[in-house]
Amino acid sequence: MHATVAEENTASLPLLERIGYDRVRGIREDDGSVTRLLTCGAGRAREAADGAPEF
């Protein structure tokens, strides 16, 4: 699984890392901002979800 998050989104980046995502690289946008690409393998996502409530 992949996620893209604006670098200035200081709430989402640490949250995604806590649930098992790893930062892969930064992508420089046309306006000069940076979008972070994160990725998480299915096994790591399952491990992070253990004990989480089901919806």
N, C-alpha and C. Protein backbone atom coordinates (compact mmCIF):
# COMPACT_ATOMS: atom_id res chain seq x y z
N MET A 1 0.84 -1.16 0.00
CA MET A 1 0.00 0.00 0.00
C MET A 1 0.89 1.23 0.00
N HIS A 2 0.40 2.27 -0.63
CA HIS A 2 1.15 3.50 -0.72
C HIS A 2 0.31 4.66 -0.22
N ALA A 3 0.96 5.69 0.26
CA ALA A 3 0.29 6.92 0.67
C ALA A 3 1.14 8.09 0.22
N THR A 4 0.48 9.17 -0.14
CA THR A 4 1.19 10.41 -0.43
C THR A 4 0.63 11.46 0.52
N VAL A 5 1.54 12.22 1.12
CA VAL A 5 1.15 13.21 2.12
C VAL A 5 2.00 14.46 1.93
N ALA A 6 1.37 15.61 2.00
CA ALA A 6 2.11 16.86 1.93
C ALA A 6 3.10 16.92 3.09
N GLU A 7 4.32 17.35 2.79
CA GLU A 7 5.38 17.38 3.81
C GLU A 7 4.98 18.22 5.02
N GLU A 8 4.22 19.29 4.80
CA GLU A 8 3.84 20.14 5.92
C GLU A 8 2.71 19.56 6.77
N ASN A 9 2.19 18.41 6.40
CA ASN A 9 1.14 17.75 7.17
C ASN A 9 1.78 17.02 8.34
N THR A 10 2.09 17.78 9.37
CA THR A 10 2.86 17.23 10.50
C THR A 10 2.07 16.29 11.38
N ALA A 11 0.78 16.18 11.19
CA ALA A 11 -0.02 15.23 11.96
C ALA A 11 -0.06 13.86 11.28
N SER A 12 -0.23 13.85 9.96
CA SER A 12 -0.40 12.58 9.24
C SER A 12 0.89 11.79 9.09
N LEU A 13 2.01 12.46 8.87
CA LEU A 13 3.26 11.73 8.66
C LEU A 13 3.62 10.85 9.86
N PRO A 14 3.65 11.37 11.09
CA PRO A 14 3.97 10.50 12.22
C PRO A 14 2.93 9.40 12.44
N LEU A 15 1.67 9.70 12.18
CA LEU A 15 0.62 8.70 12.33
C LEU A 15 0.84 7.54 11.37
N LEU A 16 1.11 7.85 10.10
CA LEU A 16 1.35 6.78 9.13
C LEU A 16 2.58 5.96 9.51
N GLU A 17 3.62 6.60 10.02
CA GLU A 17 4.81 5.85 10.44
C GLU A 17 4.49 4.95 11.63
N ARG A 18 3.64 5.41 12.55
CA ARG A 18 3.27 4.58 13.71
C ARG A 18 2.51 3.34 13.29
N ILE A 19 1.74 3.42 12.21
CA ILE A 19 0.96 2.25 11.80
C ILE A 19 1.68 1.40 10.77
N GLY A 20 2.97 1.69 10.55
CA GLY A 20 3.77 0.78 9.75
C GLY A 20 4.26 1.28 8.40
N TYR A 21 3.97 2.52 8.05
CA TYR A 21 4.46 3.05 6.78
C TYR A 21 5.89 3.53 6.91
N ASP A 22 6.65 3.39 5.84
CA ASP A 22 8.02 3.89 5.77
C ASP A 22 8.09 4.99 4.72
N ARG A 23 8.84 6.05 5.04
CA ARG A 23 9.04 7.12 4.05
C ARG A 23 9.95 6.59 2.95
N VAL A 24 9.54 6.78 1.72
CA VAL A 24 10.30 6.30 0.57
C VAL A 24 11.08 7.45 -0.06
N ARG A 25 10.38 8.54 -0.38
CA ARG A 25 11.05 9.67 -1.00
C ARG A 25 10.14 10.89 -0.98
N GLY A 26 10.74 12.02 -1.26
CA GLY A 26 10.00 13.26 -1.42
C GLY A 26 9.85 13.56 -2.90
N ILE A 27 8.71 14.10 -3.26
CA ILE A 27 8.43 14.46 -4.64
C ILE A 27 8.24 15.97 -4.70
N ARG A 28 9.11 16.65 -5.43
CA ARG A 28 9.01 18.12 -5.56
C ARG A 28 7.89 18.44 -6.54
N GLU A 29 6.91 19.21 -6.09
CA GLU A 29 5.77 19.58 -6.93
C GLU A 29 6.10 20.85 -7.72
N ASP A 30 5.30 21.14 -8.74
CA ASP A 30 5.52 22.31 -9.59
C ASP A 30 5.52 23.62 -8.81
N ASP A 31 4.74 23.67 -7.72
CA ASP A 31 4.67 24.90 -6.92
C ASP A 31 5.78 25.00 -5.89
N GLY A 32 6.71 24.03 -5.88
CA GLY A 32 7.83 24.05 -4.95
C GLY A 32 7.60 23.27 -3.66
N SER A 33 6.37 22.88 -3.41
CA SER A 33 6.08 22.09 -2.21
C SER A 33 6.60 20.66 -2.39
N VAL A 34 6.62 19.91 -1.30
CA VAL A 34 7.10 18.53 -1.34
C VAL A 34 5.99 17.60 -0.86
N THR A 35 5.75 16.55 -1.61
CA THR A 35 4.83 15.50 -1.22
C THR A 35 5.66 14.28 -0.86
N ARG A 36 5.39 13.69 0.29
CA ARG A 36 6.11 12.50 0.74
C ARG A 36 5.39 11.25 0.27
N LEU A 37 6.15 10.32 -0.29
CA LEU A 37 5.63 9.01 -0.68
C LEU A 37 6.01 8.03 0.41
N LEU A 38 5.02 7.34 0.94
CA LEU A 38 5.24 6.33 1.97
C LEU A 38 4.69 5.01 1.47
N THR A 39 5.22 3.92 1.98
CA THR A 39 4.73 2.60 1.57
C THR A 39 4.68 1.67 2.77
N CYS A 40 3.79 0.71 2.69
CA CYS A 40 3.62 -0.25 3.78
C CYS A 40 3.25 -1.60 3.16
N GLY A 41 3.99 -2.63 3.51
CA GLY A 41 3.65 -3.96 3.04
C GLY A 41 2.41 -4.48 3.74
N ALA A 42 1.68 -5.37 3.10
CA ALA A 42 0.44 -5.90 3.68
C ALA A 42 0.67 -6.55 5.03
N GLY A 43 1.79 -7.25 5.19
CA GLY A 43 2.08 -7.90 6.46
C GLY A 43 2.27 -6.89 7.58
N ARG A 44 2.95 -5.80 7.29
CA ARG A 44 3.16 -4.76 8.30
C ARG A 44 1.85 -4.07 8.64
N ALA A 45 0.98 -3.89 7.65
CA ALA A 45 -0.31 -3.26 7.91
C ALA A 45 -1.15 -4.14 8.83
N ARG A 46 -1.11 -5.47 8.58
CA ARG A 46 -1.85 -6.39 9.44
C ARG A 46 -1.32 -6.36 10.87
N GLU A 47 0.01 -6.34 11.02
CA GLU A 47 0.61 -6.28 12.35
C GLU A 47 0.18 -5.03 13.07
N ALA A 48 0.18 -3.90 12.39
CA ALA A 48 -0.20 -2.63 13.00
C ALA A 48 -1.67 -2.62 13.38
N ALA A 49 -2.49 -3.35 12.63
CA ALA A 49 -3.93 -3.36 12.89
C ALA A 49 -4.34 -4.34 13.98
N ASP A 50 -3.46 -5.24 14.39
CA ASP A 50 -3.81 -6.19 15.45
C ASP A 50 -4.29 -5.44 16.67
N GLY A 51 -5.44 -5.82 17.14
CA GLY A 51 -6.00 -5.20 18.33
C GLY A 51 -6.82 -3.95 18.02
N ALA A 52 -6.80 -3.50 16.79
CA ALA A 52 -7.61 -2.34 16.42
C ALA A 52 -9.07 -2.77 16.25
N PRO A 53 -10.00 -1.90 16.59
CA PRO A 53 -11.42 -2.27 16.44
C PRO A 53 -11.78 -2.47 14.98
N GLU A 54 -12.68 -3.40 14.73
CA GLU A 54 -13.15 -3.64 13.36
C GLU A 54 -14.40 -2.80 13.13
N PHE A 55 -14.57 -2.37 11.91
CA PHE A 55 -15.74 -1.56 11.56
C PHE A 55 -16.63 -2.33 10.65
